[in-house]
């Protein structure tokens, strides 16, 4: 594993990483209440190499994507457990990424869907 000019900042719902060069992987951990909808929003900057992001709970993969260029997007999943991880893997990459989690109540969203439908 090699890291050059690597910095990260993590809070309860956010993760921000920048690096001059990154080859290897790191895990970052988050906690959510079970049975809630959680949306992961990401912004990825890839100046060279590849960056892979993976969101998982203790038992299953929720989402994984590999980036070789700048990208942004969202992924939503219903939580089943409390502990979740983000695996960040760089393959001789330069750039950074930002991840933000937004929580919503499944019961509340279901009620709103009924009202609209």
C-alpha atoms as a PDB file:
ATOM      1  CA  UNK A   1       0.000   0.000   0.000  1.00  0.00           C
ATOM      2  CA  UNK A   2       1.261   3.476  -0.802  1.00  0.00           C
ATOM      3  CA  UNK A   3      -0.212   6.890  -0.016  1.00  0.00           C
ATOM      4  CA  UNK A   4       1.180  10.272  -0.994  1.00  0.00           C
ATOM      5  CA  UNK A   5      -0.415  13.576   0.082  1.00  0.00           C
ATOM      6  CA  UNK A   6      -3.324  11.535   1.468  1.00  0.00           C
ATOM      7  CA  UNK A   7      -5.863  13.318   3.676  1.00  0.00           C
ATOM      8  CA  UNK A   8      -9.309  12.328   4.834  1.00  0.00           C
ATOM      9  CA  UNK A   9     -12.063  13.821   6.932  1.00  0.00           C
ATOM     10  CA  UNK A  10     -14.895  11.712   8.323  1.00  0.00           C
ATOM     11  CA  UNK A  11     -18.039  12.578  10.256  1.00  0.00           C
ATOM     12  CA  UNK A  12     -21.163  10.558  11.099  1.00  0.00           C
ATOM     13  CA  UNK A  13     -22.609  10.989   7.623  1.00  0.00           C
ATOM     14  CA  UNK A  14     -19.735  12.159   5.424  1.00  0.00           C
ATOM     15  CA  UNK A  15     -16.350  11.091   4.133  1.00  0.00           C
ATOM     16  CA  UNK A  16     -13.967  13.228   2.113  1.00  0.00           C
ATOM     17  CA  UNK A  17     -10.628  11.956   0.774  1.00  0.00           C
ATOM     18  CA  UNK A  18      -7.947  13.590  -1.372  1.00  0.00           C
ATOM     19  CA  UNK A  19      -4.636  12.129  -2.478  1.00  0.00           C
ATOM     20  CA  UNK A  20      -1.702  12.851  -4.728  1.00  0.00           C
ATOM     21  CA  UNK A  21      -1.129   9.130  -5.190  1.00  0.00           C
ATOM     22  CA  UNK A  22      -3.013   6.178  -3.700  1.00  0.00           C
ATOM     23  CA  UNK A  23      -2.415   2.484  -4.290  1.00  0.00           C
ATOM     24  CA  UNK A  24      -4.110   0.089  -1.865  1.00  0.00           C
ATOM     25  CA  UNK A  25      -7.314   0.166   0.161  1.00  0.00           C
ATOM     26  CA  UNK A  26      -8.877   1.535   3.342  1.00  0.00           C
ATOM     27  CA  UNK A  27     -12.128   0.914   5.215  1.00  0.00           C
ATOM     28  CA  UNK A  28     -14.301   3.625   6.766  1.00  0.00           C
ATOM     29  CA  UNK A  29     -17.163   2.709   9.105  1.00  0.00           C
ATOM     30  CA  UNK A  30     -20.643   4.159   9.579  1.00  0.00           C
ATOM     31  CA  UNK A  31     -23.637   3.306  11.782  1.00  0.00           C
ATOM     32  CA  UNK A  32     -27.308   3.537  10.859  1.00  0.00           C
ATOM     33  CA  UNK A  33     -30.549   2.430  12.474  1.00  0.00           C
ATOM     34  CA  UNK A  34     -32.045  -0.744  10.956  1.00  0.00           C
ATOM     35  CA  UNK A  35     -35.100  -0.514   8.672  1.00  0.00           C
ATOM     36  CA  UNK A  36     -34.357   2.957   7.337  1.00  0.00           C
ATOM     37  CA  UNK A  37     -33.733   4.119   3.804  1.00  0.00           C
ATOM     38  CA  UNK A  38     -30.228   5.499   3.387  1.00  0.00           C
ATOM     39  CA  UNK A  39     -28.963   7.258   0.261  1.00  0.00           C
ATOM     40  CA  UNK A  40     -25.260   7.341  -0.491  1.00  0.00           C
ATOM     41  CA  UNK A  41     -24.269  10.276  -2.721  1.00  0.00           C
ATOM     42  CA  UNK A  42     -20.797  10.291  -4.231  1.00  0.00           C
ATOM     43  CA  UNK A  43     -18.509  12.587  -6.176  1.00  0.00           C
ATOM     44  CA  UNK A  44     -15.330  11.063  -7.554  1.00  0.00           C
ATOM     45  CA  UNK A  45     -12.357  12.837  -9.125  1.00  0.00           C
ATOM     46  CA  UNK A  46      -9.917  10.611 -11.020  1.00  0.00           C
ATOM     47  CA  UNK A  47      -6.914  12.350 -12.566  1.00  0.00           C
ATOM     48  CA  UNK A  48      -5.134   9.053 -13.230  1.00  0.00           C
ATOM     49  CA  UNK A  49      -5.480   5.362 -12.398  1.00  0.00           C
ATOM     50  CA  UNK A  50      -8.665   3.820 -11.012  1.00  0.00           C
ATOM     51  CA  UNK A  51     -10.736   4.203  -7.867  1.00  0.00           C
ATOM     52  CA  UNK A  52     -13.171   1.569  -6.621  1.00  0.00           C
ATOM     53  CA  UNK A  53     -15.845   2.335  -4.017  1.00  0.00           C
ATOM     54  CA  UNK A  54     -17.731  -0.393  -2.204  1.00  0.00           C
ATOM     55  CA  UNK A  55     -20.612  -0.023   0.284  1.00  0.00           C
ATOM     56  CA  UNK A  56     -21.421  -3.050   2.395  1.00  0.00           C
ATOM     57  CA  UNK A  57     -22.937  -4.240   5.611  1.00  0.00           C
ATOM     58  CA  UNK A  58     -21.341  -7.050   7.597  1.00  0.00           C
ATOM     59  CA  UNK A  59     -22.873  -9.790   5.447  1.00  0.00           C
ATOM     60  CA  UNK A  60     -23.486  -8.452   1.960  1.00  0.00           C
ATOM     61  CA  UNK A  61     -22.349  -6.123  -0.761  1.00  0.00           C
ATOM     62  CA  UNK A  62     -24.804  -3.267  -1.319  1.00  0.00           C
ATOM     63  CA  UNK A  63     -23.033  -1.431  -4.127  1.00  0.00           C
ATOM     64  CA  UNK A  64     -19.663  -1.379  -5.887  1.00  0.00           C
ATOM     65  CA  UNK A  65     -18.366   0.710  -8.750  1.00  0.00           C
ATOM     66  CA  UNK A  66     -14.961   1.293 -10.323  1.00  0.00           C
ATOM     67  CA  UNK A  67     -14.119   4.716 -11.720  1.00  0.00           C
ATOM     68  CA  UNK A  68     -11.455   5.708 -14.241  1.00  0.00           C
ATOM     69  CA  UNK A  69     -12.851   9.221 -14.745  1.00  0.00           C
ATOM     70  CA  UNK A  70     -14.779  11.850 -12.774  1.00  0.00           C
ATOM     71  CA  UNK A  71     -18.296  10.808 -11.806  1.00  0.00           C
ATOM     72  CA  UNK A  72     -21.138  11.461  -9.409  1.00  0.00           C
ATOM     73  CA  UNK A  73     -24.289   9.624  -8.478  1.00  0.00           C
ATOM     74  CA  UNK A  74     -26.550   8.190  -5.783  1.00  0.00           C
ATOM     75  CA  UNK A  75     -27.430   4.764  -4.442  1.00  0.00           C
ATOM     76  CA  UNK A  76     -30.304   4.067  -2.021  1.00  0.00           C
ATOM     77  CA  UNK A  77     -30.720   0.992   0.151  1.00  0.00           C
ATOM     78  CA  UNK A  78     -32.799  -0.112   3.117  1.00  0.00           C
ATOM     79  CA  UNK A  79     -30.676  -0.798   6.179  1.00  0.00           C
ATOM     80  CA  UNK A  80     -30.863  -4.229   7.792  1.00  0.00           C
ATOM     81  CA  UNK A  81     -28.081  -3.889  10.344  1.00  0.00           C
ATOM     82  CA  UNK A  82     -26.326  -1.126  12.294  1.00  0.00           C
ATOM     83  CA  UNK A  83     -22.747  -1.309  11.000  1.00  0.00           C
ATOM     84  CA  UNK A  84     -21.731  -0.421   7.463  1.00  0.00           C
ATOM     85  CA  UNK A  85     -18.421   0.102   5.725  1.00  0.00           C
ATOM     86  CA  UNK A  86     -17.098   1.958   2.742  1.00  0.00           C
ATOM     87  CA  UNK A  87     -14.097   0.318   1.129  1.00  0.00           C
ATOM     88  CA  UNK A  88     -11.989   2.716  -0.919  1.00  0.00           C
ATOM     89  CA  UNK A  89      -9.486   1.044  -3.228  1.00  0.00           C
ATOM     90  CA  UNK A  90      -7.012   2.955  -5.350  1.00  0.00           C
ATOM     91  CA  UNK A  91      -5.072   1.489  -8.261  1.00  0.00           C
ATOM     92  CA  UNK A  92      -2.229   3.946  -8.840  1.00  0.00           C
ATOM     93  CA  UNK A  93      -4.793   6.718  -8.679  1.00  0.00           C
ATOM     94  CA  UNK A  94      -4.660  10.459  -8.137  1.00  0.00           C
ATOM     95  CA  UNK A  95      -7.657  12.600  -7.179  1.00  0.00           C
ATOM     96  CA  UNK A  96     -10.259  12.279  -4.449  1.00  0.00           C
ATOM     97  CA  UNK A  97     -13.806  11.401  -3.503  1.00  0.00           C
ATOM     98  CA  UNK A  98     -16.629  12.687  -1.352  1.00  0.00           C
ATOM     99  CA  UNK A  99     -19.374  10.527   0.105  1.00  0.00           C
ATOM    100  CA  UNK A 100     -22.459  11.717   1.949  1.00  0.00           C
ATOM    101  CA  UNK A 101     -25.207   9.637   3.565  1.00  0.00           C
ATOM    102  CA  UNK A 102     -28.775  10.923   3.881  1.00  0.00           C
ATOM    103  CA  UNK A 103     -31.255   9.042   6.054  1.00  0.00           C
ATOM    104  CA  UNK A 104     -35.005   8.674   5.636  1.00  0.00           C
ATOM    105  CA  UNK A 105     -37.683   6.787   7.549  1.00  0.00           C
ATOM    106  CA  UNK A 106     -39.125   3.845   5.592  1.00  0.00           C
ATOM    107  CA  UNK A 107     -42.528   4.058   7.302  1.00  0.00           C
ATOM    108  CA  UNK A 108     -42.754   7.785   6.635  1.00  0.00           C
ATOM    109  CA  UNK A 109     -41.812   7.339   2.958  1.00  0.00           C
ATOM    110  CA  UNK A 110     -44.371   4.541   2.577  1.00  0.00           C
ATOM    111  CA  UNK A 111     -47.095   6.813   4.006  1.00  0.00           C
ATOM    112  CA  UNK A 112     -46.120   9.621   1.622  1.00  0.00           C
ATOM    113  CA  UNK A 113     -46.234   7.224  -1.332  1.00  0.00           C
ATOM    114  CA  UNK A 114     -49.782   6.153  -0.381  1.00  0.00           C
ATOM    115  CA  UNK A 115     -50.925   9.780  -0.215  1.00  0.00           C
ATOM    116  CA  UNK A 116     -49.446  10.585  -3.651  1.00  0.00           C
ATOM    117  CA  UNK A 117     -50.782   7.379  -5.287  1.00  0.00           C
END
